[in-house]
Protein backbone atom coordinates (compact mmCIF):
# COMPACT_ATOMS: atom_id res chain seq x y z
CA MET A 1 -11.70 16.97 11.62
CA GLN A 2 -14.74 15.61 11.19
CA VAL A 3 -14.92 13.42 8.09
CA GLU A 4 -18.04 12.06 6.60
CA LEU A 5 -17.48 9.27 4.21
CA LEU A 6 -19.98 8.78 0.94
CA ASP A 7 -20.14 5.64 -1.15
CA PRO A 8 -19.22 6.72 -4.65
CA SER A 9 -21.28 6.71 -7.77
CA GLY A 10 -19.39 6.37 -10.50
CA GLU A 11 -16.07 8.60 -11.36
CA VAL A 12 -17.47 10.94 -13.88
CA ASP A 13 -20.66 11.41 -11.52
CA ASN A 14 -18.26 11.87 -8.61
CA SER A 15 -16.65 15.05 -10.24
CA VAL A 16 -19.75 16.76 -10.78
CA ARG A 17 -20.88 15.68 -7.16
CA VAL A 18 -17.66 17.43 -5.79
CA ALA A 19 -18.22 20.70 -8.51
CA SER A 20 -22.16 21.04 -7.16
CA GLY A 21 -21.54 21.00 -3.95
CA ASP A 22 -22.79 17.50 -3.03
CA ALA A 23 -19.23 16.41 -2.00
CA ASP A 24 -15.96 18.51 -0.89
CA PHE A 25 -13.45 15.87 -1.84
CA ALA A 26 -13.21 12.66 -4.01
CA LEU A 27 -10.48 9.82 -4.64
CA SER A 28 -10.77 9.71 -8.55
CA ARG A 29 -8.91 8.40 -11.80
CA VAL A 30 -7.71 11.07 -13.80
CA ALA A 31 -9.73 9.74 -16.50
CA GLY A 32 -12.81 10.37 -14.94
CA HIS A 33 -12.17 13.68 -14.29
CA LEU A 34 -11.22 14.51 -17.78
CA VAL A 35 -14.13 12.75 -19.24
CA ALA A 36 -16.42 14.42 -16.62
CA VAL A 37 -14.81 17.92 -17.48
CA ALA A 38 -15.21 17.11 -21.15
CA ARG A 39 -19.05 16.39 -20.95
CA HIS A 40 -19.49 19.24 -18.64
CA GLU A 41 -20.98 22.64 -20.42
CA GLY A 42 -18.85 25.02 -18.90
CA PRO A 43 -15.87 25.09 -16.33
CA LEU A 44 -16.24 22.46 -13.71
CA ALA A 45 -15.52 23.45 -10.57
CA ALA A 46 -13.40 20.58 -8.91
CA ARG A 47 -9.93 20.04 -9.61
CA PHE A 48 -6.91 17.82 -8.40
CA CYS A 49 -5.34 18.93 -5.38
CA ALA A 50 -2.57 16.18 -4.81
CA VAL A 51 -1.74 12.78 -7.06
CA LEU A 52 -1.68 9.23 -4.98
CA VAL A 53 -1.38 7.00 -7.93
CA ARG A 54 1.76 8.56 -9.52
CA ARG A 55 2.45 5.73 -12.10
CA SER A 56 0.01 4.59 -14.56
CA PRO A 57 -0.89 0.62 -13.70
CA ILE A 58 -2.40 -0.16 -16.87
CA SER A 59 -1.23 -3.87 -17.79
CA VAL A 60 -2.03 -6.59 -19.34
CA PHE A 61 -2.73 -10.32 -18.16
CA VAL A 62 -1.31 -13.12 -19.58
CA PRO A 63 -1.20 -16.97 -18.67
CA MET A 64 2.30 -17.56 -16.87
CA GLU A 65 3.86 -19.59 -19.78
CA SER A 66 2.60 -16.73 -22.53
CA PRO A 67 5.82 -15.37 -24.61
CA VAL A 68 4.61 -11.80 -23.73
CA ARG A 69 7.30 -10.45 -21.60
CA ARG A 70 6.78 -6.74 -22.55
CA PRO A 71 4.61 -4.24 -24.17
CA ALA A 72 6.47 -4.88 -27.76
CA ASP A 73 5.43 -8.30 -27.76
CA LEU A 74 1.59 -7.39 -28.02
CA PRO A 75 1.20 -5.95 -31.63
CA GLY A 76 -0.55 -8.36 -33.75
CA ARG A 77 -1.94 -10.56 -30.38
CA ARG A 78 -5.53 -10.65 -29.62
CA VAL A 79 -6.56 -8.49 -26.44
CA GLY A 80 -9.89 -7.88 -24.72
CA GLY A 81 -10.91 -6.05 -21.70
CA ALA A 82 -13.60 -3.35 -20.72
CA VAL A 83 -14.39 -0.37 -22.74
CA TRP A 84 -12.74 1.96 -20.24
CA ALA A 85 -9.37 -0.46 -20.03
CA MET A 86 -9.16 -1.15 -23.78
CA ALA A 87 -9.32 2.77 -24.76
CA GLU A 88 -6.22 3.21 -22.07
CA PHE A 89 -4.42 0.13 -23.36
CA THR A 90 -5.01 1.12 -26.84
CA GLY A 91 -3.94 4.31 -26.11
CA ALA A 92 -0.83 3.41 -24.08
CA MET A 93 0.60 1.68 -27.38
CA ALA A 94 0.12 4.26 -29.45
CA TRP A 95 1.87 6.31 -27.14
CA LEU A 96 4.72 3.92 -26.72
CA GLY A 97 4.92 4.10 -30.57
CA LEU A 98 4.14 0.17 -31.05
CA PRO A 99 1.69 -1.34 -33.57
CA PRO A 100 -1.64 -1.79 -32.31
CA ALA A 101 -2.80 -5.19 -31.00
CA ASP A 102 -6.09 -7.11 -32.07
CA ALA A 103 -8.62 -5.50 -30.02
CA VAL A 104 -11.53 -7.37 -29.35
CA PRO A 105 -14.89 -5.55 -29.26
CA PRO A 106 -16.55 -6.15 -25.70
CA MET A 107 -19.39 -8.49 -25.37
CA SER A 108 -21.64 -6.64 -23.65
CA ARG A 109 -21.81 -2.53 -22.90
CA SER A 110 -21.08 -3.32 -19.32
CA THR A 111 -18.14 -1.11 -18.34
CA GLY A 112 -17.54 -2.73 -14.62
CA GLY A 113 -15.97 -5.94 -13.25
CA GLY A 114 -18.58 -8.27 -15.08
CA LEU A 115 -16.75 -7.27 -17.85
CA LEU A 116 -13.45 -8.09 -16.77
CA GLN A 117 -15.18 -11.57 -15.80
CA GLU A 118 -15.93 -11.99 -19.26
CA ALA A 119 -12.69 -10.99 -20.90
CA CYS A 120 -10.61 -13.13 -18.12
CA GLY A 121 -13.05 -16.17 -19.46
CA MET A 122 -12.26 -15.57 -22.97
CA LEU A 123 -8.60 -15.77 -21.84
CA GLY A 124 -9.22 -19.19 -19.80
CA ARG A 125 -10.86 -20.69 -23.18
CA GLY A 126 -7.95 -19.58 -25.25
CA GLU A 127 -10.18 -17.21 -27.37
CA VAL A 128 -7.65 -13.91 -26.62
CA HIS A 129 -3.96 -14.16 -25.39
CA ALA A 130 -4.25 -11.31 -23.17
CA VAL A 131 -6.66 -9.17 -20.86
CA ALA A 132 -6.11 -5.23 -20.54
CA ASP A 133 -6.73 -3.98 -16.73
CA TYR A 134 -5.13 -2.21 -13.83
CA GLU A 135 -2.49 -4.08 -12.61
CA ASP A 136 -4.09 -4.73 -8.57
CA LEU A 137 -7.15 -6.58 -9.94
CA LEU A 138 -4.15 -9.71 -11.21
CA PRO A 139 -6.20 -11.71 -8.32
CA ARG A 140 -9.48 -11.29 -9.72
CA ALA A 141 -7.92 -12.01 -13.28
CA ARG A 142 -6.55 -15.03 -11.95
CA ARG A 143 -9.56 -16.22 -10.49
CA HIS A 144 -11.74 -15.43 -13.17
CA SER A 145 -9.77 -16.98 -15.92
CA GLY A 146 -8.84 -20.23 -14.00
CA LEU A 147 -5.45 -19.56 -15.02
CA ASN A 148 -2.32 -18.80 -13.19
CA VAL A 149 -1.97 -15.80 -14.81
CA ARG A 150 1.09 -12.50 -14.19
CA SER A 151 1.06 -9.08 -15.43
CA VAL A 152 2.76 -7.60 -17.83
CA PRO A 153 2.89 -3.48 -17.26
CA LEU A 154 2.42 -0.80 -19.98
CA GLY A 155 5.26 1.16 -17.75
CA LEU A 156 3.75 4.74 -18.63
CA ASP A 157 5.27 7.20 -16.27
CA LEU A 158 2.15 9.21 -15.87
CA TYR A 159 -0.47 10.07 -13.53
CA SER A 160 -3.25 7.80 -12.53
CA SER A 161 -5.39 8.95 -9.51
CA GLY A 162 -5.85 11.62 -6.87
CA LEU A 163 -7.61 13.54 -4.81
CA LEU A 164 -10.38 16.06 -6.00
CA ALA A 165 -11.08 19.22 -4.36
CA ALA A 166 -13.95 21.37 -4.99
CA ASP A 167 -12.96 24.84 -5.96
CA ARG A 168 -15.16 26.53 -2.91
CA VAL A 169 -12.55 24.49 -0.55
CA PRO A 170 -10.70 27.06 0.89
CA ALA A 171 -6.54 26.20 0.71
CA ASP A 172 -6.23 25.60 4.30
CA LEU A 173 -8.73 22.76 4.40
CA VAL A 174 -7.39 21.36 0.91
CA ASP A 175 -3.71 21.29 2.50
CA ARG A 176 -5.04 19.56 5.66
CA VAL A 177 -7.23 17.49 4.13
CA THR A 178 -4.26 16.58 1.53
CA ALA A 179 -1.67 16.16 4.52
CA ALA A 180 -4.28 13.69 6.35
CA VAL A 181 -4.53 11.02 2.95
CA VAL A 182 -0.97 11.32 2.35
CA ALA A 183 -0.41 10.12 6.23
CA THR A 184 -3.17 7.58 5.83
CA LEU A 185 -1.32 5.98 2.74
CA GLN A 186 2.11 6.30 4.73
CA ARG A 187 0.21 4.29 7.79
CA GLN A 188 -0.90 1.99 5.22
CA ARG A 189 2.67 0.98 3.74
CA GLN A 190 3.62 0.71 7.74
CA GLU A 191 0.79 -1.43 8.69
CA PRO A 192 -0.94 -3.22 5.59
CA GLU A 193 -3.54 -4.68 7.26
CA ARG A 194 -4.72 -1.55 9.26
CA GLY A 195 -8.60 -0.87 8.27
CA LEU A 196 -8.86 -4.01 6.17
CA ALA A 197 -11.58 -5.33 8.46
CA GLU A 198 -13.42 -1.90 7.82
CA VAL A 199 -13.46 -2.09 4.34
CA LEU A 200 -14.60 -5.91 4.37
CA LEU A 201 -17.69 -4.57 6.52
CA ARG A 202 -18.33 -1.40 4.25
CA SER A 203 -17.93 -3.63 1.15
CA PRO A 204 -18.93 -7.23 1.78
CA ARG A 205 -17.78 -8.32 -1.81
CA VAL A 206 -14.14 -7.30 -1.52
CA VAL A 207 -11.91 -10.27 -0.84
CA ALA A 208 -9.72 -9.72 1.93
CA ASP A 209 -6.74 -11.38 -0.25
CA ASP A 210 -7.59 -9.58 -3.46
CA ALA A 211 -7.21 -6.56 -1.18
CA ARG A 212 -4.09 -7.55 0.49
CA GLU A 213 -2.35 -8.33 -2.76
CA GLY A 214 -3.84 -5.04 -5.09
CA TRP A 215 -2.12 -3.05 -2.40
CA ARG A 216 1.07 -4.85 -2.87
CA LEU A 217 0.98 -4.10 -6.60
CA VAL A 218 -0.32 -0.55 -6.33
CA GLU A 219 2.10 0.32 -3.65
CA PRO A 220 5.30 0.89 -6.04
CA ARG A 221 3.22 3.25 -7.89
CA ILE A 222 2.16 5.55 -4.91
CA PHE A 223 5.90 5.46 -3.70
CA THR A 224 7.77 6.46 -6.19
CA GLY A 225 10.68 8.22 -4.48
CA GLU A 226 9.42 11.63 -5.45
CA PRO A 227 7.18 13.38 -2.46
CA PRO A 228 3.89 11.38 -1.64
CA GLY A 229 0.61 13.32 -3.14
CA SER A 230 2.94 15.80 -4.95
CA MET A 231 2.38 17.25 -8.01
CA GLY A 232 4.24 18.27 -11.40
CA PRO A 233 2.92 20.75 -14.09
CA GLY A 234 4.97 18.77 -16.72
CA ARG A 235 3.86 15.55 -16.03
CA TRP A 236 0.39 16.53 -16.04
CA THR A 237 0.65 17.79 -19.01
CA ALA A 238 1.86 14.95 -20.58
CA THR A 239 -0.75 12.79 -18.58
CA ALA A 240 -3.70 14.85 -20.31
CA ALA A 241 -2.46 14.32 -23.71
CA TYR A 242 -2.30 10.24 -23.20
CA LEU A 243 -5.79 10.35 -22.01
CA ARG A 244 -7.05 12.26 -24.46
CA LEU A 245 -5.49 10.46 -27.12
CA ALA A 246 -6.61 7.15 -25.30
CA HIS A 247 -10.55 8.65 -24.99
CA GLY A 248 -11.21 10.79 -27.80
CA LEU A 249 -11.00 13.86 -25.88
CA ASP A 250 -10.62 17.59 -26.89
CA ALA A 251 -7.82 19.58 -25.69
CA ILE A 252 -8.72 20.53 -21.60
CA ALA A 253 -6.93 23.38 -20.45
CA ALA A 254 -4.49 22.54 -17.47
CA GLU A 255 -6.20 25.07 -14.92
CA ASP A 256 -9.10 22.92 -14.99
CA LEU A 257 -7.28 19.56 -14.26
CA TYR A 258 -5.26 20.93 -11.19
CA ARG A 259 -4.94 23.55 -8.62
CA PRO A 260 -2.12 25.78 -9.70
CA ASP A 261 -0.88 26.88 -5.75
CA MET A 262 -1.03 23.01 -5.13
CA VAL A 263 2.45 22.14 -7.77
CA ALA A 264 4.13 25.56 -6.65
CA ALA A 265 6.57 23.31 -4.22
CA ALA A 266 7.10 20.50 -6.82
CA SER A 267 7.40 22.61 -10.15
CA ALA A 268 10.58 20.39 -10.58
CA LEU A 269 9.12 17.10 -10.87
């Protein structure tokens, strides 16, 4: 099976590219696809065929000496971060039934790494008590803040990201690609250094040690004791409800999010 790797163009755009025929598959955060579905006029002909990161990595970064040890310690504290990260953090606090933290408005309209850098700078200067983002970005937070920081996961037992497939792609090919992606992750687990040189060549701005630590942080969220790549309708429903809350989205039908045939074997999850 020959595979052509395309450079990503942003998660919302990636969903549209898959649906429109510019790509057959994409790795995507669930939140990005939900936003794409919400913005699109009419059905979007792309759905998840596998879940890869099975537990949400949304966390906050705090100085090592911070008294914050669990989500219940966050209400009333000043928390900053990128726009999407703050949305998911605020949604997570509400999902957990906790009072809100004092969310610090973004300093710019950027939603990428630049805003994480700004927020971590605020953490380093003591202007916020914590920064919200995905746990695997801990090494960047440490570097940008100039502090020895640690992560406090919000602990959401909800899906985070997976493999999107275009509706036009036949089921047998979806099965083969899904199996190949899962096998690649399993091989990565056995040989963490495998492919790192190619990643650095393709993305020169990636720091090798960041990639290594990021993998160690995300690995337990991929391999959770459930079959890697499998999906369960119950957790899909909960994930969609949380992300609608976090991002202020209207209700989205389950059939717009995942291929029902791909969850048949995992209906008990």
